[in-house]
Amino acid sequence: NFENLLEQLPELDLLDCRIETISFPIPIDSSAMTPKD
């Protein structure tokens, strides 16, 4: 869950910017990507 990104990467707290996340409802393997994506 990318909303819990900071749990995986606490280092991001040290960056001098504000970070927010958004995810595709269903993550896609890039080999299945199409122009619609």
Full PDB file with SEQRES, HELIX, SHEET, SSBOND, CRYST1, ORIGX, SCALE, CONECT and MASTER records, all heavy atoms in Angstrom:
SEQRES   1 A   37  ASN PHE GLU ASN LEU LEU GLU GLN LEU PRO GLU LEU ASP          
SEQRES   2 A   37  LEU LEU ASP CYS ARG ILE GLU THR ILE SER PHE PRO ILE          
SEQRES   3 A   37  PRO ILE ASP SER SER ALA MET THR PRO LYS ASP                  
HELIX    1 AA1 PHE A    2  ASN A    4  5                                   3    
HELIX    2 AA2 LEU A    5  GLN A    8  1                                   4    
HELIX    3 AA3 PRO A   10  LEU A   14  5                                   5    
HELIX    4 AA4 SER A   30  ALA A   32  5                                   3    
CRYST1    1.000    1.000    1.000  90.00  90.00  90.00 P 1           1          
ORIGX1      1.000000  0.000000  0.000000        0.00000                         
ORIGX2      0.000000  1.000000  0.000000        0.00000                         
ORIGX3      0.000000  0.000000  1.000000        0.00000                         
SCALE1      1.000000  0.000000  0.000000        0.00000                         
SCALE2      0.000000  1.000000  0.000000        0.00000                         
SCALE3      0.000000  0.000000  1.000000        0.00000                         
ATOM      1  N   ASN A   1       0.848  -1.190   0.000  1.00  0.00           N  
ATOM      2  CA  ASN A   1       0.000   0.000   0.000  1.00  0.00           C  
ATOM      3  C   ASN A   1       0.886   1.243   0.000  1.00  0.00           C  
ATOM      4  O   ASN A   1       1.600   1.511   0.956  1.00  0.00           O  
ATOM      5  CB  ASN A   1      -0.906  -0.005   1.238  1.00  0.00           C  
ATOM      6  CG  ASN A   1      -1.905   1.132   1.208  1.00  0.00           C  
ATOM      7  OD1 ASN A   1      -1.777   2.081   0.441  1.00  0.00           O  
ATOM      8  ND2 ASN A   1      -2.921   1.034   2.050  1.00  0.00           N  
ATOM      9  N   PHE A   2       0.810   2.024  -1.085  1.00  0.00           N  
ATOM     10  CA  PHE A   2       1.693   3.178  -1.187  1.00  0.00           C  
ATOM     11  C   PHE A   2       1.326   4.311  -0.247  1.00  0.00           C  
ATOM     12  O   PHE A   2       2.092   5.259  -0.091  1.00  0.00           O  
ATOM     13  CB  PHE A   2       1.784   3.657  -2.639  1.00  0.00           C  
ATOM     14  CG  PHE A   2       3.073   3.243  -3.276  1.00  0.00           C  
ATOM     15  CD1 PHE A   2       3.270   1.935  -3.693  1.00  0.00           C  
ATOM     16  CD2 PHE A   2       4.114   4.140  -3.405  1.00  0.00           C  
ATOM     17  CE1 PHE A   2       4.468   1.540  -4.234  1.00  0.00           C  
ATOM     18  CE2 PHE A   2       5.319   3.748  -3.956  1.00  0.00           C  
ATOM     19  CZ  PHE A   2       5.495   2.441  -4.374  1.00  0.00           C  
ATOM     20  N   GLU A   3       0.170   4.226   0.369  1.00  0.00           N  
ATOM     21  CA  GLU A   3      -0.146   5.222   1.394  1.00  0.00           C  
ATOM     22  C   GLU A   3       0.747   5.023   2.610  1.00  0.00           C  
ATOM     23  O   GLU A   3       0.916   5.927   3.428  1.00  0.00           O  
ATOM     24  CB  GLU A   3      -1.622   5.106   1.779  1.00  0.00           C  
ATOM     25  CG  GLU A   3      -2.566   5.552   0.663  1.00  0.00           C  
ATOM     26  CD  GLU A   3      -4.020   5.427   1.063  1.00  0.00           C  
ATOM     27  OE1 GLU A   3      -4.280   5.054   2.226  1.00  0.00           O  
ATOM     28  OE2 GLU A   3      -4.886   5.695   0.220  1.00  0.00           O  
ATOM     29  N   ASN A   4       1.324   3.826   2.724  1.00  0.00           N  
ATOM     30  CA  ASN A   4       2.240   3.524   3.838  1.00  0.00           C  
ATOM     31  C   ASN A   4       3.694   3.559   3.379  1.00  0.00           C  
ATOM     32  O   ASN A   4       4.550   2.855   3.908  1.00  0.00           O  
ATOM     33  CB  ASN A   4       1.912   2.140   4.432  1.00  0.00           C  
ATOM     34  CG  ASN A   4       0.485   2.062   4.914  1.00  0.00           C  
ATOM     35  OD1 ASN A   4      -0.054   3.037   5.432  1.00  0.00           O  
ATOM     36  ND2 ASN A   4      -0.137   0.916   4.743  1.00  0.00           N  
ATOM     37  N   LEU A   5       3.956   4.404   2.387  1.00  0.00           N  
ATOM     38  CA  LEU A   5       5.290   4.454   1.787  1.00  0.00           C  
ATOM     39  C   LEU A   5       6.378   4.784   2.796  1.00  0.00           C  
ATOM     40  O   LEU A   5       7.473   4.221   2.767  1.00  0.00           O  
ATOM     41  CB  LEU A   5       5.291   5.493   0.654  1.00  0.00           C  
ATOM     42  CG  LEU A   5       6.613   5.694  -0.097  1.00  0.00           C  
ATOM     43  CD1 LEU A   5       7.004   4.410  -0.807  1.00  0.00           C  
ATOM     44  CD2 LEU A   5       6.497   6.827  -1.093  1.00  0.00           C  
ATOM     45  N   LEU A   6       6.087   5.713   3.701  1.00  0.00           N  
ATOM     46  CA  LEU A   6       7.108   6.134   4.660  1.00  0.00           C  
ATOM     47  C   LEU A   6       7.526   4.998   5.593  1.00  0.00           C  
ATOM     48  O   LEU A   6       8.637   5.007   6.125  1.00  0.00           O  
ATOM     49  CB  LEU A   6       6.620   7.331   5.471  1.00  0.00           C  
ATOM     50  CG  LEU A   6       6.537   8.657   4.694  1.00  0.00           C  
ATOM     51  CD1 LEU A   6       5.964   9.755   5.578  1.00  0.00           C  
ATOM     52  CD2 LEU A   6       7.894   9.073   4.167  1.00  0.00           C  
ATOM     53  N   GLU A   7       6.652   4.032   5.769  1.00  0.00           N  
ATOM     54  CA  GLU A   7       7.033   2.877   6.581  1.00  0.00           C  
ATOM     55  C   GLU A   7       8.112   2.061   5.889  1.00  0.00           C  
ATOM     56  O   GLU A   7       8.990   1.485   6.526  1.00  0.00           O  
ATOM     57  CB  GLU A   7       5.801   1.988   6.849  1.00  0.00           C  
ATOM     58  CG  GLU A   7       4.753   2.644   7.740  1.00  0.00           C  
ATOM     59  CD  GLU A   7       3.541   1.756   7.919  1.00  0.00           C  
ATOM     60  OE1 GLU A   7       3.654   0.542   7.616  1.00  0.00           O  
ATOM     61  OE2 GLU A   7       2.492   2.254   8.353  1.00  0.00           O  
ATOM     62  N   GLN A   8       8.045   2.012   4.569  1.00  0.00           N  
ATOM     63  CA  GLN A   8       9.046   1.288   3.796  1.00  0.00           C  
ATOM     64  C   GLN A   8      10.308   2.123   3.584  1.00  0.00           C  
ATOM     65  O   GLN A   8      11.408   1.595   3.513  1.00  0.00           O  
ATOM     66  CB  GLN A   8       8.472   0.901   2.423  1.00  0.00           C  
ATOM     67  CG  GLN A   8       7.319  -0.089   2.474  1.00  0.00           C  
ATOM     68  CD  GLN A   8       7.749  -1.459   2.947  1.00  0.00           C  
ATOM     69  OE1 GLN A   8       8.871  -1.903   2.677  1.00  0.00           O  
ATOM     70  NE2 GLN A   8       6.881  -2.137   3.683  1.00  0.00           N  
ATOM     71  N   LEU A   9      10.100   3.433   3.476  1.00  0.00           N  
ATOM     72  CA  LEU A   9      11.221   4.336   3.182  1.00  0.00           C  
ATOM     73  C   LEU A   9      11.197   5.540   4.126  1.00  0.00           C  
ATOM     74  O   LEU A   9      10.836   6.649   3.721  1.00  0.00           O  
ATOM     75  CB  LEU A   9      11.135   4.828   1.734  1.00  0.00           C  
ATOM     76  CG  LEU A   9      11.753   3.949   0.663  1.00  0.00           C  
ATOM     77  CD1 LEU A   9      11.506   4.546  -0.704  1.00  0.00           C  
ATOM     78  CD2 LEU A   9      13.250   3.783   0.871  1.00  0.00           C  
ATOM     79  N   PRO A  10      11.589   5.379   5.366  1.00  0.00           N  
ATOM     80  CA  PRO A  10      11.595   6.513   6.301  1.00  0.00           C  
ATOM     81  C   PRO A  10      12.550   7.615   5.861  1.00  0.00           C  
ATOM     82  O   PRO A  10      12.413   8.762   6.290  1.00  0.00           O  
ATOM     83  CB  PRO A  10      12.045   5.876   7.622  1.00  0.00           C  
ATOM     84  CG  PRO A  10      12.705   4.592   7.240  1.00  0.00           C  
ATOM     85  CD  PRO A  10      12.037   4.125   6.006  1.00  0.00           C  
ATOM     86  N   GLU A  11      13.491   7.284   4.964  1.00  0.00           N  
ATOM     87  CA  GLU A  11      14.429   8.290   4.450  1.00  0.00           C  
ATOM     88  C   GLU A  11      13.714   9.438   3.734  1.00  0.00           C  
ATOM     89  O   GLU A  11      14.227  10.551   3.653  1.00  0.00           O  
ATOM     90  CB  GLU A  11      15.427   7.646   3.469  1.00  0.00           C  
ATOM     91  CG  GLU A  11      16.289   6.558   4.073  1.00  0.00           C  
ATOM     92  CD  GLU A  11      15.717   5.159   3.804  1.00  0.00           C  
ATOM     93  OE1 GLU A  11      14.477   5.020   3.865  1.00  0.00           O  
ATOM     94  OE2 GLU A  11      16.508   4.239   3.561  1.00  0.00           O  
ATOM     95  N   LEU A  12      12.529   9.156   3.205  1.00  0.00           N  
ATOM     96  CA  LEU A  12      11.799  10.195   2.477  1.00  0.00           C  
ATOM     97  C   LEU A  12      11.431  11.363   3.377  1.00  0.00           C  
ATOM     98  O   LEU A  12      11.219  12.481   2.901  1.00  0.00           O  
ATOM     99  CB  LEU A  12      10.533   9.608   1.835  1.00  0.00           C  
ATOM    100  CG  LEU A  12      10.745   8.564   0.735  1.00  0.00           C  
ATOM    101  CD1 LEU A  12       9.417   8.120   0.168  1.00  0.00           C  
ATOM    102  CD2 LEU A  12      11.644   9.099  -0.376  1.00  0.00           C  
ATOM    103  N   ASP A  13      11.351  11.120   4.684  1.00  0.00           N  
ATOM    104  CA  ASP A  13      11.062  12.184   5.647  1.00  0.00           C  
ATOM    105  C   ASP A  13      12.168  13.239   5.671  1.00  0.00           C  
ATOM    106  O   ASP A  13      11.949  14.369   6.117  1.00  0.00           O  
ATOM    107  CB  ASP A  13      10.908  11.584   7.053  1.00  0.00           C  
ATOM    108  CG  ASP A  13       9.447  11.557   7.480  1.00  0.00           C  
ATOM    109  OD1 ASP A  13       8.634  12.222   6.817  1.00  0.00           O  
ATOM    110  OD2 ASP A  13       9.133  10.858   8.459  1.00  0.00           O  
ATOM    111  N   LEU A  14      13.363  12.864   5.216  1.00  0.00           N  
ATOM    112  CA  LEU A  14      14.513  13.765   5.244  1.00  0.00           C  
ATOM    113  C   LEU A  14      14.560  14.684   4.028  1.00  0.00           C  
ATOM    114  O   LEU A  14      15.338  15.642   4.005  1.00  0.00           O  
ATOM    115  CB  LEU A  14      15.814  12.949   5.329  1.00  0.00           C  
ATOM    116  CG  LEU A  14      15.937  11.984   6.520  1.00  0.00           C  
ATOM    117  CD1 LEU A  14      17.215  11.149   6.409  1.00  0.00           C  
ATOM    118  CD2 LEU A  14      15.912  12.753   7.837  1.00  0.00           C  
ATOM    119  N   LEU A  15      13.772  14.383   3.011  1.00  0.00           N  
ATOM    120  CA  LEU A  15      13.784  15.202   1.798  1.00  0.00           C  
ATOM    121  C   LEU A  15      13.104  16.539   2.047  1.00  0.00           C  
ATOM    122  O   LEU A  15      12.131  16.633   2.807  1.00  0.00           O  
ATOM    123  CB  LEU A  15      13.089  14.474   0.651  1.00  0.00           C  
ATOM    124  CG  LEU A  15      13.778  13.199   0.147  1.00  0.00           C  
ATOM    125  CD1 LEU A  15      12.911  12.513  -0.909  1.00  0.00           C  
ATOM    126  CD2 LEU A  15      15.150  13.514  -0.424  1.00  0.00           C  
ATOM    127  N   ASP A  16      13.612  17.560   1.395  1.00  0.00           N  
ATOM    128  CA  ASP A  16      13.101  18.915   1.601  1.00  0.00           C  
ATOM    129  C   ASP A  16      11.909  19.192   0.680  1.00  0.00           C  
ATOM    130  O   ASP A  16      11.935  20.115  -0.145  1.00  0.00           O  
ATOM    131  CB  ASP A  16      14.227  19.917   1.348  1.00  0.00           C  
ATOM    132  CG  ASP A  16      13.873  21.300   1.875  1.00  0.00           C  
ATOM    133  OD1 ASP A  16      13.045  21.376   2.811  1.00  0.00           O  
ATOM    134  OD2 ASP A  16      14.400  22.290   1.335  1.00  0.00           O  
ATOM    135  N   CYS A  17      10.891  18.357   0.781  1.00  0.00           N  
ATOM    136  CA  CYS A  17       9.675  18.548  -0.009  1.00  0.00           C  
ATOM    137  C   CYS A  17       8.538  17.787   0.655  1.00  0.00           C  
ATOM    138  O   CYS A  17       8.760  16.948   1.528  1.00  0.00           O  
ATOM    139  CB  CYS A  17       9.876  18.062  -1.452  1.00  0.00           C  
ATOM    140  SG  CYS A  17      10.314  16.321  -1.587  1.00  0.00           S  
ATOM    141  N   ARG A  18       7.341  18.107   0.250  1.00  0.00           N  
ATOM    142  CA  ARG A  18       6.166  17.385   0.738  1.00  0.00           C  
ATOM    143  C   ARG A  18       5.801  16.329  -0.297  1.00  0.00           C  
ATOM    144  O   ARG A  18       5.726  16.628  -1.492  1.00  0.00           O  
ATOM    145  CB  ARG A  18       4.995  18.338   0.947  1.00  0.00           C  
ATOM    146  CG  ARG A  18       5.230  19.371   2.044  1.00  0.00           C  
ATOM    147  CD  ARG A  18       3.975  20.229   2.259  1.00  0.00           C  
ATOM    148  NE  ARG A  18       4.177  21.212   3.302  1.00  0.00           N  
ATOM    149  CZ  ARG A  18       4.668  22.446   3.094  1.00  0.00           C  
ATOM    150  NH1 ARG A  18       5.006  22.801   1.870  1.00  0.00           N  
ATOM    151  NH2 ARG A  18       4.821  23.284   4.101  1.00  0.00           N  
ATOM    152  N   ILE A  19       5.549  15.123   0.161  1.00  0.00           N  
ATOM    153  CA  ILE A  19       5.254  14.025  -0.757  1.00  0.00           C  
ATOM    154  C   ILE A  19       3.878  13.457  -0.464  1.00  0.00           C  
ATOM    155  O   ILE A  19       3.552  13.143   0.679  1.00  0.00           O  
ATOM    156  CB  ILE A  19       6.302  12.895  -0.624  1.00  0.00           C  
ATOM    157  CG1 ILE A  19       7.717  13.437  -0.857  1.00  0.00           C  
ATOM    158  CG2 ILE A  19       5.996  11.755  -1.598  1.00  0.00           C  
ATOM    159  CD1 ILE A  19       8.810  12.488  -0.451  1.00  0.00           C  
ATOM    160  N   GLU A  20       3.072  13.360  -1.493  1.00  0.00           N  
ATOM    161  CA  GLU A  20       1.799  12.669  -1.394  1.00  0.00           C  
ATOM    162  C   GLU A  20       1.758  11.580  -2.455  1.00  0.00           C  
ATOM    163  O   GLU A  20       2.492  11.657  -3.459  1.00  0.00           O  
ATOM    164  CB  GLU A  20       0.631  13.646  -1.547  1.00  0.00           C  
ATOM    165  CG  GLU A  20       0.547  14.635  -0.389  1.00  0.00           C  
ATOM    166  CD  GLU A  20      -0.681  15.528  -0.469  1.00  0.00           C  
ATOM    167  OE1 GLU A  20      -1.611  15.189  -1.236  1.00  0.00           O  
ATOM    168  OE2 GLU A  20      -0.696  16.568   0.219  1.00  0.00           O  
ATOM    169  N   THR A  21       0.942  10.568  -2.220  1.00  0.00           N  
ATOM    170  CA  THR A  21       0.928   9.425  -3.134  1.00  0.00           C  
ATOM    171  C   THR A  21      -0.468   9.159  -3.663  1.00  0.00           C  
ATOM    172  O   THR A  21      -1.475   9.478  -3.026  1.00  0.00           O  
ATOM    173  CB  THR A  21       1.433   8.149  -2.429  1.00  0.00           C  
ATOM    174  OG1 THR A  21       0.530   7.830  -1.351  1.00  0.00           O  
ATOM    175  CG2 THR A  21       2.827   8.336  -1.874  1.00  0.00           C  
ATOM    176  N   ILE A  22      -0.487   8.567  -4.852  1.00  0.00           N  
ATOM    177  CA  ILE A  22      -1.731   8.096  -5.450  1.00  0.00           C  
ATOM    178  C   ILE A  22      -1.378   6.837  -6.230  1.00  0.00           C  
ATOM    179  O   ILE A  22      -0.297   6.744  -6.814  1.00  0.00           O  
ATOM    180  CB  ILE A  22      -2.368   9.182  -6.350  1.00  0.00           C  
ATOM    181  CG1 ILE A  22      -3.777   8.784  -6.787  1.00  0.00           C  
ATOM    182  CG2 ILE A  22      -1.501   9.488  -7.564  1.00  0.00           C  
ATOM    183  CD1 ILE A  22      -4.557   9.919  -7.437  1.00  0.00           C  
ATOM    184  N   SER A  23      -2.266   5.866  -6.220  1.00  0.00           N  
ATOM    185  CA  SER A  23      -1.987   4.595  -6.896  1.00  0.00           C  
ATOM    186  C   SER A  23      -3.087   4.239  -7.878  1.00  0.00           C  
ATOM    187  O   SER A  23      -4.250   4.613  -7.687  1.00  0.00           O  
ATOM    188  CB  SER A  23      -1.876   3.457  -5.874  1.00  0.00           C  
ATOM    189  OG  SER A  23      -0.825   3.662  -4.979  1.00  0.00           O  
ATOM    190  N   PHE A  24      -2.699   3.515  -8.919  1.00  0.00           N  
ATOM    191  CA  PHE A  24      -3.704   2.886  -9.761  1.00  0.00           C  
ATOM    192  C   PHE A  24      -4.529   1.955  -8.869  1.00  0.00           C  
ATOM    193  O   PHE A  24      -3.959   1.294  -8.001  1.00  0.00           O  
ATOM    194  CB  PHE A  24      -3.030   2.060 -10.856  1.00  0.00           C  
ATOM    195  CG  PHE A  24      -2.723   2.820 -12.122  1.00  0.00           C  
ATOM    196  CD1 PHE A  24      -2.685   4.200 -12.153  1.00  0.00           C  
ATOM    197  CD2 PHE A  24      -2.479   2.139 -13.306  1.00  0.00           C  
ATOM    198  CE1 PHE A  24      -2.399   4.891 -13.312  1.00  0.00           C  
ATOM    199  CE2 PHE A  24      -2.194   2.807 -14.480  1.00  0.00           C  
ATOM    200  CZ  PHE A  24      -2.159   4.196 -14.491  1.00  0.00           C  
ATOM    201  N   PRO A  25      -5.848   1.889  -9.061  1.00  0.00           N  
ATOM    202  CA  PRO A  25      -6.665   0.991  -8.245  1.00  0.00           C  
ATOM    203  C   PRO A  25      -6.155  -0.452  -8.277  1.00  0.00           C  
ATOM    204  O   PRO A  25      -6.125  -1.140  -7.264  1.00  0.00           O  
ATOM    205  CB  PRO A  25      -8.057   1.104  -8.880  1.00  0.00           C  
ATOM    206  CG  PRO A  25      -8.050   2.426  -9.568  1.00  0.00           C  
ATOM    207  CD  PRO A  25      -6.651   2.647 -10.031  1.00  0.00           C  
ATOM    208  N   ILE A  26      -5.761  -0.878  -9.478  1.00  0.00           N  
ATOM    209  CA  ILE A  26      -5.151  -2.197  -9.634  1.00  0.00           C  
ATOM    210  C   ILE A  26      -3.798  -1.988 -10.309  1.00  0.00           C  
ATOM    211  O   ILE A  26      -3.742  -1.589 -11.478  1.00  0.00           O  
ATOM    212  CB  ILE A  26      -6.026  -3.124 -10.495  1.00  0.00           C  
ATOM    213  CG1 ILE A  26      -7.405  -3.301  -9.862  1.00  0.00           C  
ATOM    214  CG2 ILE A  26      -5.340  -4.490 -10.673  1.00  0.00           C  
ATOM    215  CD1 ILE A  26      -8.382  -4.081 -10.713  1.00  0.00           C  
ATOM    216  N   PRO A  27      -2.687  -2.220  -9.593  1.00  0.00           N  
ATOM    217  CA  PRO A  27      -1.364  -2.035 -10.203  1.00  0.00           C  
ATOM    218  C   PRO A  27      -1.199  -2.908 -11.446  1.00  0.00           C  
ATOM    219  O   PRO A  27      -1.699  -4.031 -11.505  1.00  0.00           O  
ATOM    220  CB  PRO A  27      -0.412  -2.468  -9.088  1.00  0.00           C  
ATOM    221  CG  PRO A  27      -1.191  -2.292  -7.822  1.00  0.00           C  
ATOM    222  CD  PRO A  27      -2.601  -2.613  -8.184  1.00  0.00           C  
ATOM    223  N   ILE A  28      -0.501  -2.362 -12.435  1.00  0.00           N  
ATOM    224  CA  ILE A  28      -0.348  -3.037 -13.726  1.00  0.00           C  
ATOM    225  C   ILE A  28       1.107  -3.423 -13.952  1.00  0.00           C  
ATOM    226  O   ILE A  28       2.015  -2.603 -13.789  1.00  0.00           O  
ATOM    227  CB  ILE A  28      -0.807  -2.111 -14.876  1.00  0.00           C  
ATOM    228  CG1 ILE A  28      -2.272  -1.712 -14.699  1.00  0.00           C  
ATOM    229  CG2 ILE A  28      -0.621  -2.782 -16.227  1.00  0.00           C  
ATOM    230  CD1 ILE A  28      -2.735  -0.677 -15.711  1.00  0.00           C  
ATOM    231  N   ASP A  29       1.325  -4.663 -14.344  1.00  0.00           N  
ATOM    232  CA  ASP A  29       2.652  -5.056 -14.815  1.00  0.00           C  
ATOM    233  C   ASP A  29       2.922  -4.281 -16.097  1.00  0.00           C  
ATOM    234  O   ASP A  29       2.053  -4.198 -16.973  1.00  0.00           O  
ATOM    235  CB  ASP A  29       2.684  -6.560 -15.087  1.00  0.00           C  
ATOM    236  CG  ASP A  29       4.089  -7.053 -15.412  1.00  0.00           C  
ATOM    237  OD1 ASP A  29       4.578  -6.716 -16.514  1.00  0.00           O  
ATOM    238  OD2 ASP A  29       4.688  -7.758 -14.600  1.00  0.00           O  
ATOM    239  N   SER A  30       4.108  -3.727 -16.241  1.00  0.00           N  
ATOM    240  CA  SER A  30       4.340  -2.832 -17.378  1.00  0.00           C  
ATOM    241  C   SER A  30       4.239  -3.547 -18.723  1.00  0.00           C  
ATOM    242  O   SER A  30       3.983  -2.918 -19.747  1.00  0.00           O  
ATOM    243  CB  SER A  30       5.692  -2.127 -17.253  1.00  0.00           C  
ATOM    244  OG  SER A  30       6.751  -2.972 -17.606  1.00  0.00           O  
ATOM    245  N   SER A  31       4.420  -4.866 -18.742  1.00  0.00           N  
ATOM    246  CA  SER A  31       4.277  -5.592 -20.004  1.00  0.00           C  
ATOM    247  C   SER A  31       2.823  -5.613 -20.463  1.00  0.00           C  
ATOM    248  O   SER A  31       2.531  -5.919 -21.625  1.00  0.00           O  
ATOM    249  CB  SER A  31       4.810  -7.023 -19.862  1.00  0.00           C  
ATOM    250  OG  SER A  31       4.098  -7.722 -18.863  1.00  0.00           O  
ATOM    251  N   ALA A  32       1.895  -5.279 -19.567  1.00  0.00           N  
ATOM    252  CA  ALA A  32       0.472  -5.217 -19.915  1.00  0.00           C  
ATOM    253  C   ALA A  32       0.009  -3.787 -20.168  1.00  0.00           C  
ATOM    254  O   ALA A  32      -1.180  -3.550 -20.414  1.00  0.00           O  
ATOM    255  CB  ALA A  32      -0.369  -5.845 -18.801  1.00  0.00           C  
ATOM    256  N   MET A  33       0.921  -2.808 -20.087  1.00  0.00           N  
ATOM    257  CA  MET A  33       0.568  -1.401 -20.309  1.00  0.00           C  
ATOM    258  C   MET A  33       0.084  -1.176 -21.741  1.00  0.00           C  
ATOM    259  O   MET A  33       0.626  -1.750 -22.687  1.00  0.00           O  
ATOM    260  CB  MET A  33       1.777  -0.503 -20.065  1.00  0.00           C  
ATOM    261  CG  MET A  33       1.997  -0.149 -18.622  1.00  0.00           C  
ATOM    262  SD  MET A  33       1.029   1.285 -18.153  1.00  0.00           S  
ATOM    263  CE  MET A  33       1.417   1.354 -16.408  1.00  0.00           C  
ATOM    264  N   THR A  34      -0.918  -0.325 -21.887  1.00  0.00           N  
ATOM    265  CA  THR A  34      -1.421   0.074 -23.202  1.00  0.00           C  
ATOM    266  C   THR A  34      -1.514   1.602 -23.242  1.00  0.00           C  
ATOM    267  O   THR A  34      -1.419   2.266 -22.198  1.00  0.00           O  
ATOM    268  CB  THR A  34      -2.824  -0.505 -23.459  1.00  0.00           C  
ATOM    269  OG1 THR A  34      -3.768   0.170 -22.596  1.00  0.00           O  
ATOM    270  CG2 THR A  34      -2.866  -2.007 -23.191  1.00  0.00           C  
ATOM    271  N   PRO A  35      -1.712   2.180 -24.421  1.00  0.00           N  
ATOM    272  CA  PRO A  35      -1.911   3.632 -24.486  1.00  0.00           C  
ATOM    273  C   PRO A  35      -3.053   4.132 -23.607  1.00  0.00           C  
ATOM    274  O   PRO A  35      -3.029   5.276 -23.159  1.00  0.00           O  
ATOM    275  CB  PRO A  35      -2.192   3.873 -25.976  1.00  0.00           C  
ATOM    276  CG  PRO A  35      -1.396   2.803 -26.662  1.00  0.00           C  
ATOM    277  CD  PRO A  35      -1.547   1.595 -25.772  1.00  0.00           C  
ATOM    278  N   LYS A  36      -4.041   3.290 -23.335  1.00  0.00           N  
ATOM    279  CA  LYS A  36      -5.131   3.707 -22.423  1.00  0.00           C  
ATOM    280  C   LYS A  36      -4.579   3.971 -21.022  1.00  0.00           C  
ATOM    281  O   LYS A  36      -5.056   4.853 -20.302  1.00  0.00           O  
ATOM    282  CB  LYS A  36      -6.217   2.639 -22.386  1.00  0.00           C  
ATOM    283  CG  LYS A  36      -7.003   2.506 -23.675  1.00  0.00           C  
ATOM    284  CD  LYS A  36      -8.074   1.442 -23.573  1.00  0.00           C  
ATOM    285  CE  LYS A  36      -8.884   1.354 -24.871  1.00  0.00           C  
ATOM    286  NZ  LYS A  36      -8.055   0.949 -26.035  1.00  0.00           N  
ATOM    287  N   ASP A  37      -3.559   3.213 -20.637  1.00  0.00           N  
ATOM    288  CA  ASP A  37      -2.936   3.435 -19.332  1.00  0.00           C  
ATOM    289  C   ASP A  37      -2.083   4.705 -19.339  1.00  0.00           C  
ATOM    290  O   ASP A  37      -1.972   5.377 -18.320  1.00  0.00           O  
ATOM    291  CB  ASP A  37      -2.100   2.212 -18.931  1.00  0.00           C  
ATOM    292  CG  ASP A  37      -2.944   0.951 -18.842  1.00  0.00           C  
ATOM    293  OD1 ASP A  37      -3.956   0.983 -18.125  1.00  0.00           O  
ATOM    294  OD2 ASP A  37      -2.609  -0.039 -19.511  1.00  0.00           O  
TER     295      ASP A  37                                                      
MASTER        0    0    0    4    0    0    0    6  294    1    0    3          
END                                                                             
